[in-house]
Amino acid sequence: MTINEMLGQSGVLAVLGMSMVFGFLVIMIISITVVGKIMQATGAGKIAPPAAPSAAPAAAKNDAPVTAAISAAVNEYRKSN
């Protein structure tokens, strides 16, 4: 097999590989577009509005001692390192 034949086969293989990747990308773009249109038509792509905030539990209303304890722990950690 000569160098020209090997270069010819390499070129054919490269073109074949690139065309297969291009074909896959075209199919993927078409699929995504179709799914997007279906979701818009059915309304499945809409984001639900956030729920109204509920009342906080009794334990979460008075969290000042917890905040103070966490702050003290962080300060002690920073002093030691």
Protein backbone atom coordinates (compact mmCIF):
# COMPACT_ATOMS: atom_id res chain seq x y z
CA MET A 1 0.00 0.00 0.00
CA THR A 2 1.47 3.33 -1.02
CA ILE A 3 1.44 6.57 0.91
CA ASN A 4 -1.08 8.05 -1.52
CA GLU A 5 -3.52 5.19 -0.90
CA MET A 6 -3.15 5.55 2.86
CA LEU A 7 -3.71 9.31 2.66
CA GLY A 8 -6.80 8.70 0.50
CA GLN A 9 -8.23 6.23 3.01
CA SER A 10 -7.44 8.61 5.88
CA GLY A 11 -9.25 11.42 4.08
CA VAL A 12 -12.30 9.25 3.44
CA LEU A 13 -12.36 8.13 7.06
CA ALA A 14 -12.04 11.72 8.31
CA VAL A 15 -14.86 12.95 6.05
CA LEU A 16 -17.06 10.01 7.06
CA GLY A 17 -16.47 10.66 10.75
CA MET A 18 -17.16 14.38 10.47
CA SER A 19 -20.32 13.79 8.45
CA MET A 20 -21.61 11.33 11.05
CA VAL A 21 -21.00 13.86 13.85
CA PHE A 22 -22.67 16.58 11.80
CA GLY A 23 -25.66 14.33 11.13
CA PHE A 24 -25.99 13.51 14.83
CA LEU A 25 -25.88 17.20 15.73
CA VAL A 26 -28.57 18.01 13.16
CA ILE A 27 -30.80 15.24 14.54
CA MET A 28 -30.20 16.47 18.10
CA ILE A 29 -31.08 20.09 17.21
CA ILE A 30 -34.26 18.99 15.44
CA SER A 31 -35.23 16.80 18.43
CA ILE A 32 -34.67 19.61 20.93
CA THR A 33 -36.67 22.04 18.80
CA VAL A 34 -39.59 19.60 18.47
CA VAL A 35 -39.61 18.84 22.21
CA GLY A 36 -39.50 22.57 22.98
CA LYS A 37 -42.49 23.24 20.75
CA ILE A 38 -44.41 20.36 22.33
CA MET A 39 -43.66 21.68 25.82
CA GLN A 40 -44.78 25.19 24.86
CA ALA A 41 -47.99 23.85 23.33
CA THR A 42 -48.87 21.78 26.39
CA GLY A 43 -47.72 24.36 28.91
CA ALA A 44 -45.37 21.91 30.57
CA GLY A 45 -42.43 24.30 30.32
CA LYS A 46 -43.97 26.99 32.50
CA ILE A 47 -42.50 27.53 35.94
CA ALA A 48 -45.02 27.47 38.76
CA PRO A 49 -45.15 30.63 40.88
CA PRO A 50 -43.54 30.29 44.27
CA ALA A 51 -45.79 29.26 47.10
CA ALA A 52 -46.76 31.84 49.69
CA PRO A 53 -44.43 31.79 52.66
CA SER A 54 -45.88 29.91 55.57
CA ALA A 55 -45.62 30.91 59.19
CA ALA A 56 -42.23 30.08 60.68
CA PRO A 57 -42.16 27.41 63.38
CA ALA A 58 -41.92 28.60 66.96
CA ALA A 59 -38.33 27.34 67.33
CA ALA A 60 -37.13 29.34 64.31
CA LYS A 61 -38.58 32.67 65.53
CA ASN A 62 -36.10 33.02 68.39
CA ASP A 63 -32.82 32.06 66.79
CA ALA A 64 -30.61 34.70 68.40
CA PRO A 65 -29.00 32.22 70.84
CA VAL A 66 -28.24 29.84 67.99
CA THR A 67 -26.69 32.65 65.95
CA ALA A 68 -24.57 33.71 68.92
CA ALA A 69 -23.36 30.15 69.51
CA ILE A 70 -22.41 29.70 65.86
CA SER A 71 -20.59 33.04 65.81
CA ALA A 72 -18.66 32.12 68.96
CA ALA A 73 -17.71 28.76 67.51
CA VAL A 74 -16.48 30.34 64.27
CA ASN A 75 -14.43 32.92 66.19
CA GLU A 76 -12.80 30.23 68.32
CA TYR A 77 -12.00 28.18 65.22
CA ARG A 78 -10.40 31.19 63.53
CA LYS A 79 -8.32 31.99 66.60
CA SER A 80 -6.95 28.47 66.83
CA ASN A 81 -6.02 28.25 63.11
